[in-house]
Amino acid sequence: MQDIIVGIFISIVTGLLTAFFTFGILYYYFKKSFKQKAELLIDEYILIFKERLKEGFHEAGKELLPEFKEEVKRGFKEAINESISPSMIEETAKNIAKTSTSIIQNSINLLTGRWEDNK
């Protein structure tokens, strides 16, 4: 009876060791081969994703560019209109007129030989 129990025990241990050994070999093989295949597949999908993302970006840019240009133009026009007030234009015109008359007066004074000291 004891020989039967020892035989059963040896059979169970041998079966378990064989199963673990087989599992280990299969695990190592699938891990190595699957890892390589998975990395290649992932690299391929990454390239496809990058390409589609680039295409989408270019399409969106082409669609939105005219609208963006108009917004920039409108913004510049508003900024210029807000920064140049009518009083600023009037003051600039007065300064130009004063400078012009001063230049003409000095030119006439040079021609006639009159000097006036500028105060």
Protein backbone atom coordinates (compact mmCIF):
# COMPACT_ATOMS: atom_id res chain seq x y z
CA MET A 1 0.00 0.00 0.00
CA GLN A 2 2.83 2.29 0.79
CA ASP A 3 4.34 1.62 -2.66
CA ILE A 4 1.09 2.75 -4.28
CA ILE A 5 1.05 6.01 -2.31
CA VAL A 6 4.70 6.66 -3.18
CA GLY A 7 3.94 5.89 -6.84
CA ILE A 8 0.95 8.27 -6.83
CA PHE A 9 3.02 10.95 -5.08
CA ILE A 10 5.85 10.57 -7.64
CA SER A 11 3.31 10.71 -10.49
CA ILE A 12 1.71 13.88 -9.11
CA VAL A 13 5.08 15.56 -8.52
CA THR A 14 6.31 14.51 -11.97
CA GLY A 15 3.10 15.80 -13.59
CA LEU A 16 3.34 19.12 -11.76
CA LEU A 17 7.02 19.55 -12.63
CA THR A 18 6.33 18.71 -16.26
CA ALA A 19 3.41 21.17 -16.37
CA PHE A 20 5.49 23.98 -14.80
CA PHE A 21 8.41 23.26 -17.10
CA THR A 22 6.15 23.23 -20.17
CA PHE A 23 4.42 26.41 -19.00
CA GLY A 24 7.81 28.08 -18.46
CA ILE A 25 9.05 27.20 -21.94
CA LEU A 26 5.80 28.32 -23.61
CA TYR A 27 5.68 31.52 -21.52
CA TYR A 28 9.25 32.42 -22.50
CA TYR A 29 8.62 31.66 -26.19
CA PHE A 30 5.33 33.58 -26.42
CA LYS A 31 6.66 36.45 -24.37
CA LYS A 32 9.67 36.86 -26.63
CA SER A 33 7.87 36.37 -29.95
CA PHE A 34 4.73 38.26 -28.92
CA LYS A 35 6.77 41.16 -27.56
CA GLN A 36 8.57 41.58 -30.88
CA LYS A 37 5.35 41.31 -32.88
CA ALA A 38 3.56 43.69 -30.53
CA GLU A 39 6.37 46.27 -30.75
CA LEU A 40 6.32 46.11 -34.55
CA LEU A 41 2.55 46.46 -34.58
CA ILE A 42 2.64 49.37 -32.14
CA ASP A 43 5.35 51.12 -34.18
CA GLU A 44 3.23 50.70 -37.31
CA TYR A 45 0.16 52.14 -35.60
CA ILE A 46 2.19 55.04 -34.23
CA LEU A 47 3.35 55.93 -37.75
CA ILE A 48 -0.22 55.72 -39.04
CA PHE A 49 -1.44 57.88 -36.15
CA LYS A 50 1.26 60.51 -36.77
CA GLU A 51 0.43 60.65 -40.47
CA ARG A 52 -3.30 61.03 -39.85
CA LEU A 53 -2.68 63.65 -37.19
CA LYS A 54 -0.47 65.62 -39.58
CA GLU A 55 -3.09 65.41 -42.34
CA GLY A 56 -5.82 66.55 -39.96
CA PHE A 57 -3.68 69.44 -38.76
CA HIS A 58 -3.01 70.61 -42.31
CA GLU A 59 -6.69 70.34 -43.25
CA ALA A 60 -7.73 72.29 -40.17
CA GLY A 61 -5.11 74.93 -40.94
CA LYS A 62 -6.34 75.32 -44.50
CA GLU A 63 -9.90 75.65 -43.25
CA LEU A 64 -9.15 78.13 -40.47
CA LEU A 65 -6.41 80.23 -42.11
CA PRO A 66 -8.67 82.68 -44.02
CA GLU A 67 -10.77 83.30 -40.93
CA PHE A 68 -7.62 83.77 -38.83
CA LYS A 69 -6.22 86.28 -41.34
CA GLU A 70 -9.44 88.28 -41.23
CA GLU A 71 -9.42 88.32 -37.43
CA VAL A 72 -5.81 89.57 -37.40
CA LYS A 73 -6.63 92.30 -39.93
CA ARG A 74 -9.67 93.36 -37.94
CA GLY A 75 -7.62 93.40 -34.75
CA PHE A 76 -4.92 95.61 -36.28
CA LYS A 77 -7.52 98.01 -37.66
CA GLU A 78 -9.21 98.27 -34.27
CA ALA A 79 -5.88 98.80 -32.51
CA ILE A 80 -4.86 101.56 -34.91
CA ASN A 81 -8.28 103.25 -34.70
CA GLU A 82 -8.21 103.13 -30.91
CA SER A 83 -4.64 104.37 -30.59
CA ILE A 84 -5.04 107.31 -33.02
CA SER A 85 -7.66 109.66 -31.68
CA PRO A 86 -9.01 112.70 -33.57
CA SER A 87 -7.29 115.06 -31.11
CA MET A 88 -3.97 113.32 -31.82
CA ILE A 89 -4.45 113.81 -35.56
CA GLU A 90 -5.37 117.48 -35.02
CA GLU A 91 -2.33 118.05 -32.79
CA THR A 92 -0.03 116.40 -35.36
CA ALA A 93 -1.47 118.55 -38.15
CA LYS A 94 -0.86 121.71 -36.06
CA ASN A 95 2.73 120.69 -35.38
CA ILE A 96 3.33 120.02 -39.08
CA ALA A 97 1.85 123.41 -39.98
CA LYS A 98 4.00 125.21 -37.37
CA THR A 99 7.15 123.46 -38.53
CA SER A 100 6.39 124.16 -42.18
CA THR A 101 5.74 127.86 -41.58
CA SER A 102 8.89 128.10 -39.49
CA ILE A 103 10.96 126.54 -42.29
CA ILE A 104 9.42 128.89 -44.87
CA GLN A 105 9.93 131.92 -42.62
CA ASN A 106 13.58 131.03 -42.03
CA SER A 107 14.09 130.53 -45.78
CA ILE A 108 12.58 133.95 -46.52
CA ASN A 109 14.70 135.53 -43.78
CA LEU A 110 17.83 134.01 -45.32
CA LEU A 111 16.90 135.38 -48.73
CA THR A 112 16.13 138.87 -47.41
CA GLY A 113 19.08 138.90 -45.02
CA ARG A 114 17.04 139.24 -41.81
CA TRP A 115 17.91 137.20 -38.77
CA GLU A 116 15.51 136.69 -35.92
CA ASP A 117 16.53 134.91 -32.79
CA ASN A 118 14.33 131.93 -32.01
CA LYS A 119 12.92 132.14 -28.53
